[in-house]
C-alpha cells in the first residue's frame, strides 16, 4: 500500500533496441526505490522491455517512457509518434518474435492504448500480488 505520493519517473529514449536496457534499469531503480518486491521488479522489467521494443520496432521515435507509482503497483507508459495500434496476435511456435503484447497482457492487471494528436501512449498497470 502506498504511504506517500511518489514522483513519477520519466525519460526520453531513442527508438532503437538499445533503449530497452536503459528502460529496464530505470524501472528497476524506481520499483526498488518505491520498496516494491524484487519479483515484481522482474515482471515490470519484462513489460517495459516489450513496450519499448515494440515502440522501437514499429513506431517513430523518440519514445517517452513514464513510470508512475500507483496505489497497488506501477503504471508504465510508452509514448511514440505512430498512430499504429499494438496487436495481440497468435504466435507461430517456430517464430522467435511476436510475443510482446502476449507477455504484456499476461503480466499486467490492465493495459491499453491512448491515441493523441502526436501518436499514442501504450500503457500497462501492474499490481503487487
Protein backbone atom coordinates (compact mmCIF):
# COMPACT_ATOMS: atom_id res chain seq x y z
CA UNK A 1 0.00 0.00 0.00
CA UNK A 2 1.32 3.43 -0.88
CA UNK A 3 2.00 5.58 2.18
CA UNK A 4 3.04 8.76 0.40
CA UNK A 5 2.96 10.08 -3.13
CA UNK A 6 5.92 9.09 -5.27
CA UNK A 7 7.23 11.24 -8.07
CA UNK A 8 6.77 9.66 -11.50
CA UNK A 9 9.97 8.81 -13.34
CA UNK A 10 10.19 9.90 -16.98
CA UNK A 11 12.82 9.73 -19.70
CA UNK A 12 13.02 10.22 -23.46
CA UNK A 13 14.64 7.32 -25.31
CA UNK A 14 15.71 6.90 -28.92
CA UNK A 15 13.55 4.45 -30.89
CA UNK A 16 16.24 1.76 -31.02
CA UNK A 17 16.74 -1.66 -29.46
CA UNK A 18 19.46 -0.42 -27.10
CA UNK A 19 16.85 1.65 -25.29
CA UNK A 20 15.36 -1.50 -23.76
CA UNK A 21 18.24 -1.98 -21.31
CA UNK A 22 18.07 1.66 -20.20
CA UNK A 23 14.30 1.32 -19.72
CA UNK A 24 14.78 -1.85 -17.62
CA UNK A 25 17.33 -0.10 -15.39
CA UNK A 26 15.02 2.88 -14.90
CA UNK A 27 12.06 0.67 -13.97
CA UNK A 28 14.19 -1.49 -11.67
CA UNK A 29 15.52 1.59 -9.84
CA UNK A 30 12.04 3.08 -9.49
CA UNK A 31 10.48 -0.15 -8.21
CA UNK A 32 13.36 -0.66 -5.76
CA UNK A 33 13.18 2.95 -4.52
CA UNK A 34 9.44 2.57 -4.01
CA UNK A 35 10.02 -0.53 -1.86
CA UNK A 36 8.20 -3.00 -4.09
CA UNK A 37 9.18 -6.71 -4.11
CA UNK A 38 12.04 -7.95 -6.28
CA UNK A 39 9.82 -10.41 -8.18
CA UNK A 40 7.51 -7.51 -9.01
CA UNK A 41 10.52 -5.64 -10.43
CA UNK A 42 11.21 -8.64 -12.70
CA UNK A 43 7.67 -8.52 -14.14
CA UNK A 44 7.84 -4.75 -14.57
CA UNK A 45 11.19 -5.12 -16.39
CA UNK A 46 9.67 -7.63 -18.82
CA UNK A 47 6.68 -5.39 -19.51
CA UNK A 48 8.79 -2.26 -20.11
CA UNK A 49 11.13 -4.24 -22.37
CA UNK A 50 8.21 -5.31 -24.55
CA UNK A 51 6.62 -1.86 -24.68
CA UNK A 52 9.90 -0.11 -25.55
CA UNK A 53 10.86 -2.84 -28.01
CA UNK A 54 7.51 -2.50 -29.79
CA UNK A 55 7.97 1.26 -29.96
CA UNK A 56 11.48 0.85 -31.36
CA UNK A 57 10.41 -1.79 -33.91
CA UNK A 58 7.05 -0.47 -35.10
CA UNK A 59 6.83 3.24 -34.32
CA UNK A 60 8.57 6.51 -34.90
CA UNK A 61 10.71 7.97 -32.17
CA UNK A 62 11.73 9.29 -29.89
CA UNK A 63 9.96 7.27 -27.20
CA UNK A 64 8.81 8.84 -23.95
CA UNK A 65 8.80 6.40 -21.01
CA UNK A 66 6.94 7.27 -17.81
CA UNK A 67 6.74 5.07 -14.72
CA UNK A 68 4.24 6.05 -12.05
CA UNK A 69 3.67 4.52 -8.62
CA UNK A 70 0.02 3.57 -8.17
CA UNK A 71 -1.81 2.57 -5.01
CA UNK A 72 -1.17 -1.13 -5.67
CA UNK A 73 1.78 -1.21 -8.05
CA UNK A 74 3.04 0.74 -11.05
CA UNK A 75 1.83 2.15 -14.35
CA UNK A 76 4.27 2.02 -17.26
CA UNK A 77 3.60 4.27 -20.27
CA UNK A 78 5.49 4.45 -23.56
CA UNK A 79 4.55 7.24 -25.95
CA UNK A 80 5.61 7.11 -29.60
CA UNK A 81 4.84 9.13 -32.71
CA UNK A 82 2.95 6.44 -34.61
CA UNK A 83 -0.79 6.02 -34.90
CA UNK A 84 -0.46 2.26 -35.50
CA UNK A 85 -2.07 0.30 -32.67
CA UNK A 86 -0.37 -2.68 -30.99
CA UNK A 87 -1.94 -6.06 -31.70
CA UNK A 88 -2.05 -9.25 -29.67
CA UNK A 89 -1.84 -11.94 -32.32
CA UNK A 90 -1.37 -15.69 -32.39
CA UNK A 91 2.28 -16.69 -32.42
CA UNK A 92 3.83 -19.37 -34.52
CA UNK A 93 5.90 -21.77 -32.36
CA UNK A 94 8.66 -21.54 -34.97
CA UNK A 95 8.86 -17.74 -34.71
CA UNK A 96 11.35 -16.29 -32.20
CA UNK A 97 9.40 -12.98 -32.17
CA UNK A 98 5.86 -11.71 -31.86
CA UNK A 99 5.14 -12.46 -28.22
CA UNK A 100 5.48 -8.92 -26.85
CA UNK A 101 1.87 -7.97 -26.30
CA UNK A 102 1.06 -11.52 -25.12
CA UNK A 103 3.65 -11.01 -22.36
CA UNK A 104 2.28 -7.55 -21.53
CA UNK A 105 -1.25 -8.97 -21.39
CA UNK A 106 -0.19 -11.87 -19.15
CA UNK A 107 1.78 -9.79 -16.61
CA UNK A 108 -0.43 -6.70 -16.43
CA UNK A 109 -3.62 -6.24 -14.45
CA UNK A 110 -4.71 -4.00 -17.31
CA UNK A 111 -3.21 -2.41 -20.43
CA UNK A 112 -4.38 -0.20 -23.23
CA UNK A 113 -3.63 2.48 -25.79
CA UNK A 114 -4.41 6.19 -25.64
CA UNK A 115 -4.15 7.83 -29.08
CA UNK A 116 -3.34 11.53 -29.22
CA UNK A 117 -2.53 14.19 -31.81
CA UNK A 118 1.18 13.27 -31.70
CA UNK A 119 0.88 9.46 -31.84
CA UNK A 120 -0.14 7.21 -28.98
CA UNK A 121 0.70 6.05 -25.47
CA UNK A 122 0.70 2.34 -24.78
CA UNK A 123 0.30 1.74 -21.05
CA UNK A 124 0.26 -1.20 -18.65
CA UNK A 125 -0.63 -1.36 -14.97
CA UNK A 126 0.99 -3.99 -12.79
CA UNK A 127 -0.32 -4.84 -9.34
CA UNK A 128 1.70 -6.28 -6.48
CA UNK A 129 0.17 -9.67 -5.87
